[in-house]
Amino acid sequence: MVEDWITVMNSDPMRQYRARRDEAHRNVKSKYNILGFISSGTYGRVYKASSKEEESRLYAIKKFKPDKEGDVVTYTGISQSAIREIALNREISHVNVVALKEVILEDKSIYMVFEYAEHDFLQVIHHYSQTMRTSIPPAVLKSLTYQLLCGLLYLHQSHILHRDLKPANILITSSGVVKIGDLGLARLTYQPLLSLYGGDKVVVTIWYRAPELLLGAKHYHKAIDCWAVGCVLAELASLRPIFKGEEAKLDSKKNVPFQKDQMLKILEVLGSPNAEVEWQGLKDMPEYQNFKRLDPYQNRLWEWCRARTLTQSAYDLLRLLFTYDPDQRMTCKEALMHKWFAEEPRPTANVFQTIHTQHMPPHRRITQDDAPSMMPAQPAVSHPPLQMQGGTQSGSTGFGGLSAGTQGMHNTRRKGRIN
């Protein structure tokens, strides 16, 4: 009887297929050398790796960690963010969007292997504000913005909202090509299975959140990403966030509060919108009654731009990206045709083309001691007692997801998400 059962099992084609599949399956460490730990965030850890099959090819491996209930690590399936990121990245391909090479399932963990990018926008901002202590050159500023818009136009034409554009999520390769990363909050807008608000009540990091979202809009579209581009452009120009408000947290029942401080920061620069002329849908916003209680402000965007030596055309681009009414706000396609990009200096394919080698942002830093789950064991190093003099050393920790190396300034902006 037992022999008959074994014979039946061995002749089962599905069992044979699974056995061949498992035998052919290769784990992460058999395909990649883990070079170091880059960063960690809500959903997991990111590592720098080199391919064992492709000489000199570098990758960023994002490992999603299992869910944790109390002190016990449990496996409850794949997170919504991971599913979105995998599903969308596998279907898209553009020079200005970070490319997903493969997804590996191993020991109930998900590993996403992305192309490697050496820098990100936040690192560039930090480099110019803290090291160079000067503004980003106009040619670099224009090239960064142009390539960002190219990548976002592709996503929008593919019916994808990014919903979390910010400097930490916009990468730059060593060859100077901008790559939009982190599609963990992205959503398809073409025939969605669930309303955008129903799936995620809070989207976009607070400093880059469009006014319609701050006022509780339950229906929104691509304009929220275009507002975020305006915020990123302004931050590149001034080396600090243009609307740096304090976020009001969700209450115990997970209700979304009115973001009064953030709304005030916007009004202080852009002035109060006219509900009859500038934004006719303003009165229909869920938070309109709270908005009405705010003091009126005058528009001072031009003064803001002049103080940062931005040209008239750069001001005009920001003005159009910061249009209050989302239905009237400039689109990516319109922005790419704006006269600012036609003026000298023109955007370049390599955003660093006009920068002297000595002024280049530094390569990201990686650590060896913060990644016990992936890093190979390091040999113990003994130090002669006489060499131990004053103080200790500590490894530097990278921030961000697929890019790192920025410390101190803005570090709290990277804690929530990675990639």
Protein backbone atom coordinates (compact mmCIF):
# COMPACT_ATOMS: atom_id res chain seq x y z
CA MET A 1 0.00 0.00 0.00
CA VAL A 2 2.81 2.40 0.95
CA GLU A 3 4.76 1.49 -2.20
CA ASP A 4 1.70 2.18 -4.34
CA TRP A 5 1.31 5.61 -2.69
CA ILE A 6 4.98 6.45 -3.33
CA THR A 7 4.60 5.40 -6.97
CA VAL A 8 1.54 7.62 -7.39
CA MET A 9 3.32 10.58 -5.78
CA ASN A 10 6.39 10.16 -7.96
CA SER A 11 4.24 10.06 -11.08
CA ASP A 12 2.37 13.26 -10.11
CA PRO A 13 3.40 15.84 -12.77
CA MET A 14 2.77 18.80 -10.46
CA ARG A 15 4.95 17.29 -7.76
CA GLN A 16 7.69 16.72 -10.31
CA TYR A 17 7.34 20.30 -11.56
CA ARG A 18 7.63 21.70 -8.05
CA ALA A 19 10.69 19.61 -7.37
CA ARG A 20 12.40 20.86 -10.55
CA ARG A 21 11.36 24.42 -9.77
CA ASP A 22 12.72 24.27 -6.22
CA GLU A 23 15.94 22.70 -7.44
CA ALA A 24 16.44 25.47 -10.00
CA HIS A 25 15.55 28.26 -7.56
CA ARG A 26 18.50 30.34 -6.49
CA ASN A 27 18.59 32.43 -3.36
CA VAL A 28 19.74 36.04 -3.06
CA LYS A 29 23.27 35.35 -1.87
CA SER A 30 23.91 32.88 -4.68
CA LYS A 31 23.27 35.66 -7.23
CA TYR A 32 24.52 38.78 -5.45
CA ASN A 33 27.37 39.89 -3.23
CA ILE A 34 25.95 42.06 -0.45
CA LEU A 35 28.31 45.03 -0.18
CA GLY A 36 26.67 46.91 2.66
CA PHE A 37 23.60 48.26 4.35
CA ILE A 38 22.07 51.47 2.97
CA SER A 39 18.99 52.26 5.01
CA SER A 40 15.89 51.00 6.78
CA GLY A 41 12.32 52.18 6.95
CA THR A 42 8.76 51.16 7.71
CA TYR A 43 8.69 48.27 5.27
CA GLY A 44 12.20 46.84 5.51
CA ARG A 45 15.87 47.31 4.72
CA VAL A 46 17.84 48.26 1.62
CA TYR A 47 21.28 46.89 0.73
CA LYS A 48 23.89 47.68 -1.88
CA ALA A 49 24.87 44.60 -3.87
CA SER A 50 26.93 43.55 -6.87
CA SER A 51 25.90 40.87 -9.33
CA LYS A 52 27.87 37.63 -9.47
CA GLU A 53 26.71 37.09 -13.05
CA GLU A 54 27.19 40.60 -14.51
CA GLU A 55 30.60 42.07 -13.89
CA SER A 56 30.63 45.55 -12.30
CA ARG A 57 26.81 45.78 -12.17
CA LEU A 58 25.49 47.27 -8.93
CA TYR A 59 21.99 46.86 -7.52
CA ALA A 60 19.92 47.98 -4.56
CA ILE A 61 18.11 45.10 -2.87
CA LYS A 62 15.04 45.99 -0.86
CA LYS A 63 14.07 43.35 1.68
CA PHE A 64 10.55 43.56 3.05
CA LYS A 65 10.48 42.49 6.67
CA PRO A 66 7.75 40.18 8.05
CA ASP A 67 4.99 41.62 10.18
CA LYS A 68 5.61 41.94 13.90
CA GLU A 69 2.93 41.51 16.55
CA GLY A 70 4.42 42.58 19.87
CA ASP A 71 7.76 40.87 20.29
CA VAL A 72 6.81 37.95 18.05
CA VAL A 73 7.63 38.01 14.34
CA THR A 74 4.79 36.46 12.37
CA TYR A 75 4.16 35.86 8.69
CA THR A 76 0.80 37.21 7.56
CA GLY A 77 1.38 37.48 3.82
CA ILE A 78 2.61 40.19 1.47
CA SER A 79 1.95 43.81 2.39
CA GLN A 80 -0.21 46.03 0.22
CA SER A 81 2.74 48.32 -0.42
CA ALA A 82 4.91 45.44 -1.64
CA ILE A 83 2.18 44.15 -3.95
CA ARG A 84 1.69 47.61 -5.48
CA GLU A 85 5.37 48.21 -5.94
CA ILE A 86 5.97 44.82 -7.54
CA ALA A 87 2.90 44.94 -9.77
CA LEU A 88 3.56 48.45 -11.08
CA ASN A 89 7.34 48.16 -11.47
CA ARG A 90 7.03 44.96 -13.49
CA GLU A 91 4.83 46.71 -16.05
CA ILE A 92 6.69 49.96 -16.60
CA SER A 93 9.96 50.93 -18.26
CA HIS A 94 11.36 54.42 -18.66
CA VAL A 95 14.81 55.96 -18.41
CA ASN A 96 13.63 58.33 -15.65
CA VAL A 97 11.90 55.69 -13.50
CA VAL A 98 13.96 53.29 -11.39
CA ALA A 99 13.98 49.81 -12.97
CA LEU A 100 13.08 46.61 -11.15
CA LYS A 101 15.35 43.75 -12.23
CA GLU A 102 13.69 40.87 -10.40
CA VAL A 103 11.73 39.77 -7.35
CA ILE A 104 13.00 36.91 -5.19
CA LEU A 105 10.91 35.04 -2.60
CA GLU A 106 13.05 33.39 0.04
CA ASP A 107 12.32 32.24 3.60
CA LYS A 108 8.98 34.08 3.70
CA SER A 109 10.73 37.34 2.76
CA ILE A 110 10.42 39.38 -0.42
CA TYR A 111 13.51 40.81 -2.08
CA MET A 112 13.11 43.44 -4.80
CA VAL A 113 16.25 43.99 -6.86
CA PHE A 114 16.46 47.50 -8.34
CA GLU A 115 19.02 49.23 -10.48
CA TYR A 116 21.46 51.13 -8.30
CA ALA A 117 21.48 54.92 -8.04
CA GLU A 118 24.36 56.69 -6.36
CA HIS A 119 22.58 59.90 -5.29
CA ASP A 120 19.17 61.42 -4.62
CA PHE A 121 17.73 64.94 -4.64
CA LEU A 122 17.90 65.25 -0.85
CA GLN A 123 21.58 64.36 -0.88
CA VAL A 124 22.21 67.03 -3.54
CA ILE A 125 20.30 69.62 -1.47
CA HIS A 126 22.35 68.71 1.60
CA HIS A 127 25.61 68.84 -0.38
CA TYR A 128 24.97 72.37 -1.62
CA SER A 129 23.55 73.71 1.65
CA GLN A 130 26.08 72.18 4.05
CA THR A 131 29.26 71.53 2.04
CA MET A 132 29.27 73.93 -0.91
CA ARG A 133 27.22 76.59 0.94
CA THR A 134 25.89 77.96 -2.31
CA SER A 135 22.79 77.52 -4.44
CA ILE A 136 22.46 74.74 -7.00
CA PRO A 137 23.70 76.02 -10.42
CA PRO A 138 20.83 76.96 -12.81
CA ALA A 139 21.87 74.32 -15.37
CA VAL A 140 21.76 71.57 -12.75
CA LEU A 141 18.49 72.86 -11.28
CA LYS A 142 16.88 72.93 -14.71
CA SER A 143 18.18 69.47 -15.70
CA LEU A 144 16.99 67.86 -12.45
CA THR A 145 13.52 69.35 -12.85
CA TYR A 146 13.23 68.49 -16.55
CA GLN A 147 14.14 64.83 -16.08
CA LEU A 148 11.81 64.56 -13.08
CA LEU A 149 8.96 65.86 -15.22
CA CYS A 150 9.84 63.41 -18.01
CA GLY A 151 9.61 60.46 -15.63
CA LEU A 152 6.38 61.72 -14.09
CA LEU A 153 4.81 62.34 -17.51
CA TYR A 154 5.50 58.69 -18.36
CA LEU A 155 3.82 57.53 -15.13
CA HIS A 156 0.81 59.75 -15.73
CA GLN A 157 0.48 58.58 -19.33
CA SER A 158 0.53 55.05 -17.92
CA HIS A 159 -2.39 56.04 -15.63
CA ILE A 160 -0.21 55.91 -12.50
CA LEU A 161 -0.28 58.44 -9.66
CA HIS A 162 2.94 58.40 -7.65
CA ARG A 163 1.43 60.02 -4.54
CA ASP A 164 4.71 60.36 -2.64
CA LEU A 165 7.06 62.56 -4.65
CA LYS A 166 9.72 64.19 -2.46
CA PRO A 167 13.49 64.69 -2.70
CA ALA A 168 14.31 61.46 -0.85
CA ASN A 169 12.35 59.40 -3.40
CA ILE A 170 13.95 60.91 -6.51
CA LEU A 171 17.26 59.25 -7.33
CA ILE A 172 20.21 60.16 -9.56
CA THR A 173 22.63 57.67 -11.10
CA SER A 174 26.39 58.25 -11.19
CA SER A 175 25.98 59.15 -14.88
CA GLY A 176 23.58 61.96 -13.98
CA VAL A 177 20.22 60.41 -14.91
CA VAL A 178 17.22 61.15 -12.68
CA LYS A 179 15.15 58.14 -11.58
CA ILE A 180 11.79 58.33 -9.82
CA GLY A 181 11.68 55.69 -7.08
CA ASP A 182 9.37 54.28 -4.40
CA LEU A 183 6.06 53.29 -5.94
CA GLY A 184 4.80 51.90 -2.63
CA LEU A 185 2.00 54.49 -2.48
CA ALA A 186 1.40 54.66 -6.23
CA ARG A 187 -2.01 53.79 -7.66
CA LEU A 188 -3.51 53.06 -11.04
CA THR A 189 -6.16 55.60 -11.95
CA TYR A 190 -7.60 53.66 -14.89
CA GLN A 191 -10.58 51.62 -13.66
CA PRO A 192 -9.33 51.27 -10.05
CA LEU A 193 -10.88 48.45 -8.00
CA LEU A 194 -11.19 50.77 -5.01
CA SER A 195 -11.54 54.54 -4.72
CA LEU A 196 -8.25 56.35 -4.16
CA TYR A 197 -9.41 57.73 -0.81
CA GLY A 198 -10.81 54.39 0.35
CA GLY A 199 -7.48 52.65 -0.07
CA ASP A 200 -5.30 55.31 1.59
CA LYS A 201 -6.73 58.20 3.57
CA VAL A 202 -3.35 59.90 3.94
CA VAL A 203 -1.02 60.18 0.95
CA VAL A 204 1.99 62.35 0.12
CA THR A 205 4.47 63.50 2.76
CA ILE A 206 3.00 66.57 4.48
CA TRP A 207 5.40 69.22 3.07
CA TYR A 208 4.59 68.15 -0.50
CA ARG A 209 0.85 67.58 -0.05
CA ALA A 210 -1.45 69.52 -2.38
CA PRO A 211 -4.09 71.87 -0.87
CA GLU A 212 -7.00 69.73 -2.08
CA LEU A 213 -5.63 66.83 -0.02
CA LEU A 214 -5.11 69.09 3.00
CA LEU A 215 -8.75 70.15 2.68
CA GLY A 216 -9.98 66.56 2.73
CA ALA A 217 -10.68 65.88 -0.94
CA LYS A 218 -11.89 62.32 -1.46
CA HIS A 219 -11.47 62.50 -5.23
CA TYR A 220 -8.24 63.73 -6.74
CA HIS A 221 -6.07 63.19 -9.80
CA LYS A 222 -2.61 63.72 -11.33
CA ALA A 223 -2.52 67.34 -10.19
CA ILE A 224 -1.37 66.25 -6.70
CA ASP A 225 1.91 64.99 -8.23
CA CYS A 226 2.37 68.25 -10.16
CA TRP A 227 1.99 70.25 -6.94
CA ALA A 228 4.69 68.02 -5.38
CA VAL A 229 6.98 68.78 -8.35
CA GLY A 230 6.54 72.49 -7.63
CA CYS A 231 7.52 71.86 -4.00
CA VAL A 232 10.59 69.87 -5.05
CA LEU A 233 11.66 72.55 -7.57
CA ALA A 234 11.28 75.26 -4.91
CA GLU A 235 13.30 73.19 -2.44
CA LEU A 236 16.10 72.65 -4.96
CA ALA A 237 16.16 76.40 -5.58
CA SER A 238 16.17 77.45 -1.92
CA LEU A 239 17.83 74.37 -0.33
CA ARG A 240 15.01 74.08 2.19
CA PRO A 241 11.32 73.11 1.99
CA ILE A 242 9.11 75.96 0.83
CA PHE A 243 6.10 74.81 2.90
CA LYS A 244 7.59 73.36 6.08
CA GLY A 245 4.58 72.77 8.33
CA GLU A 246 3.95 70.57 11.35
CA GLU A 247 1.77 67.53 10.71
CA ALA A 248 -1.25 66.96 12.95
CA LYS A 249 -1.42 63.25 13.75
CA LEU A 250 -4.39 60.92 13.39
CA ASP A 251 -6.56 60.61 16.49
CA SER A 252 -7.26 57.34 18.34
CA LYS A 253 -10.05 56.51 15.87
CA LYS A 254 -7.73 57.10 12.88
CA ASN A 255 -9.64 60.17 11.79
CA VAL A 256 -7.66 62.55 9.60
CA PRO A 257 -7.43 66.02 11.25
CA PHE A 258 -7.36 69.36 9.46
CA GLN A 259 -3.73 70.18 8.70
CA LYS A 260 -3.94 73.81 9.83
CA ASP A 261 -0.22 74.51 10.19
CA GLN A 262 0.65 73.12 6.77
CA MET A 263 -2.18 75.07 5.15
CA LEU A 264 -0.94 78.26 6.81
CA LYS A 265 2.57 77.71 5.47
CA ILE A 266 1.12 77.58 1.95
CA LEU A 267 -1.04 80.66 2.45
CA GLU A 268 1.92 82.66 3.77
CA VAL A 269 3.65 82.29 0.38
CA LEU A 270 0.83 81.91 -2.13
CA GLY A 271 -1.82 84.03 -0.43
CA SER A 272 -5.46 83.12 0.21
CA PRO A 273 -7.36 81.77 -2.82
CA ASN A 274 -10.50 83.48 -4.05
CA ALA A 275 -13.30 80.93 -3.96
CA GLU A 276 -15.20 82.72 -6.71
CA VAL A 277 -12.32 83.18 -9.17
CA GLU A 278 -9.24 81.10 -8.37
CA TRP A 279 -10.82 77.92 -7.01
CA GLN A 280 -14.55 77.53 -7.54
CA GLY A 281 -14.59 74.07 -5.94
CA LEU A 282 -13.08 75.37 -2.69
CA LYS A 283 -16.44 75.72 -0.93
CA ASP A 284 -17.20 72.06 -1.59
CA MET A 285 -14.12 70.82 0.28
CA PRO A 286 -14.82 68.86 3.49
CA GLU A 287 -12.50 71.12 5.51
CA TYR A 288 -13.78 74.40 4.05
CA GLN A 289 -15.33 75.57 7.35
CA ASN A 290 -11.98 75.13 9.11
CA PHE A 291 -10.24 76.85 6.20
CA LYS A 292 -12.55 79.89 6.44
CA ARG A 293 -11.36 80.57 9.98
CA LEU A 294 -7.77 81.15 8.83
CA ASP A 295 -6.49 84.72 8.50
CA PRO A 296 -6.26 86.09 4.92
CA TYR A 297 -2.82 86.39 3.31
CA GLN A 298 -1.38 88.17 0.27
CA ASN A 299 0.49 86.35 -2.49
CA ARG A 300 4.25 86.86 -2.12
CA LEU A 301 5.58 84.12 -4.41
CA TRP A 302 7.34 86.66 -6.64
CA GLU A 303 9.16 88.15 -3.64
CA TRP A 304 10.09 84.63 -2.55
CA CYS A 305 11.57 83.90 -6.00
CA ARG A 306 13.43 87.22 -6.24
CA ALA A 307 15.08 86.60 -2.87
CA ARG A 308 16.47 83.37 -4.33
CA THR A 309 17.57 84.94 -7.64
CA LEU A 310 15.10 82.92 -9.70
CA THR A 311 14.27 84.30 -13.13
CA GLN A 312 10.87 85.58 -14.22
CA SER A 313 10.24 82.40 -16.23
CA ALA A 314 11.18 80.18 -13.26
CA TYR A 315 8.70 82.13 -11.16
CA ASP A 316 6.04 81.65 -13.84
CA LEU A 317 6.60 77.88 -13.85
CA LEU A 318 6.27 77.72 -10.06
CA ARG A 319 3.17 79.91 -10.17
CA LEU A 320 1.47 77.53 -12.59
CA LEU A 321 2.50 74.41 -10.65
CA PHE A 322 1.16 76.06 -7.48
CA THR A 323 -2.27 76.84 -8.94
CA TYR A 324 -4.81 76.22 -6.17
CA ASP A 325 -7.53 74.73 -8.38
CA PRO A 326 -6.32 71.20 -9.29
CA ASP A 327 -8.34 71.26 -12.50
CA GLN A 328 -6.47 74.40 -13.63
CA ARG A 329 -3.03 73.36 -12.36
CA MET A 330 -0.26 72.91 -14.92
CA THR A 331 0.22 69.32 -16.14
CA CYS A 332 3.56 67.55 -16.68
CA LYS A 333 3.23 67.86 -20.45
CA GLU A 334 2.56 71.59 -20.22
CA ALA A 335 5.44 72.05 -17.79
CA LEU A 336 7.91 70.35 -20.15
CA MET A 337 6.94 72.86 -22.85
CA HIS A 338 7.39 75.86 -20.54
CA LYS A 339 9.68 78.63 -21.74
CA TRP A 340 12.02 78.22 -18.74
CA PHE A 341 13.40 75.02 -20.29
CA ALA A 342 13.94 76.75 -23.65
CA GLU A 343 16.13 79.46 -22.13
CA GLU A 344 19.86 79.15 -21.58
CA PRO A 345 21.25 77.17 -19.93
CA ARG A 346 19.30 74.29 -21.48
CA PRO A 347 18.66 70.98 -19.63
CA THR A 348 21.30 68.30 -20.18
CA ALA A 349 21.05 64.50 -20.35
CA ASN A 350 23.67 64.29 -17.60
CA VAL A 351 22.52 66.58 -14.80
CA PHE A 352 26.12 66.84 -13.54
CA GLN A 353 27.56 67.76 -16.95
CA THR A 354 28.32 71.36 -16.00
CA ILE A 355 29.70 70.55 -12.52
CA HIS A 356 33.45 70.34 -11.86
CA THR A 357 34.54 66.96 -10.54
CA GLN A 358 35.58 68.47 -7.22
CA HIS A 359 32.07 69.85 -6.69
CA MET A 360 30.23 66.57 -7.27
CA PRO A 361 28.04 65.23 -4.45
CA PRO A 362 29.83 62.42 -2.56
CA HIS A 363 28.97 58.78 -3.10
CA ARG A 364 26.55 57.34 -0.63
CA ARG A 365 27.91 55.76 2.50
CA ILE A 366 27.11 52.19 3.39
CA THR A 367 27.62 50.39 6.69
CA GLN A 368 28.56 46.83 7.56
CA ASP A 369 27.24 46.58 11.10
CA ASP A 370 23.54 47.42 10.78
CA ALA A 371 22.48 44.53 8.56
CA PRO A 372 22.90 41.23 10.42
CA SER A 373 20.26 39.44 8.34
CA MET A 374 22.07 39.91 5.03
CA MET A 375 25.68 40.88 5.64
CA PRO A 376 28.35 38.16 5.78
CA ALA A 377 30.05 37.81 9.13
CA GLN A 378 32.99 40.16 9.51
CA PRO A 379 36.24 38.85 11.03
CA ALA A 380 37.03 40.16 14.47
CA VAL A 381 39.68 42.87 14.54
CA SER A 382 41.95 43.23 17.55
CA HIS A 383 43.52 46.55 18.43
CA PRO A 384 46.72 46.93 20.48
CA PRO A 385 45.87 48.57 23.83
CA LEU A 386 48.29 51.45 23.27
CA GLN A 387 46.42 52.60 20.14
CA MET A 388 43.15 53.23 21.98
CA GLN A 389 43.05 56.98 22.37
CA GLY A 390 40.19 59.29 23.24
CA GLY A 391 36.75 58.58 21.86
CA THR A 392 34.98 55.90 19.89
CA GLN A 393 34.04 55.47 16.27
CA SER A 394 30.55 54.90 15.03
CA GLY A 395 29.44 53.77 11.61
CA SER A 396 27.50 56.26 9.56
CA THR A 397 23.95 55.30 8.75
CA GLY A 398 22.48 56.05 5.34
CA PHE A 399 18.98 57.44 5.00
CA GLY A 400 16.40 56.98 2.29
CA GLY A 401 15.52 53.95 0.29
CA LEU A 402 17.54 53.31 -2.82
CA SER A 403 19.80 56.25 -2.09
CA ALA A 404 21.56 57.41 1.01
CA GLY A 405 24.50 59.32 2.38
CA THR A 406 22.63 62.38 3.66
CA GLN A 407 22.87 62.96 7.37
CA GLY A 408 21.74 65.58 9.85
CA MET A 409 19.65 67.90 7.68
CA HIS A 410 16.12 66.64 6.96
CA ASN A 411 16.84 63.17 8.40
CA THR A 412 13.36 62.92 9.90
CA ARG A 413 11.90 63.11 6.40
CA ARG A 414 13.19 59.66 5.54
CA LYS A 415 11.98 57.64 8.48
CA GLY A 416 8.55 56.74 7.18
CA ARG A 417 9.39 55.09 3.89
CA ILE A 418 12.23 53.58 1.97
CA ASN A 419 13.26 53.12 -1.62
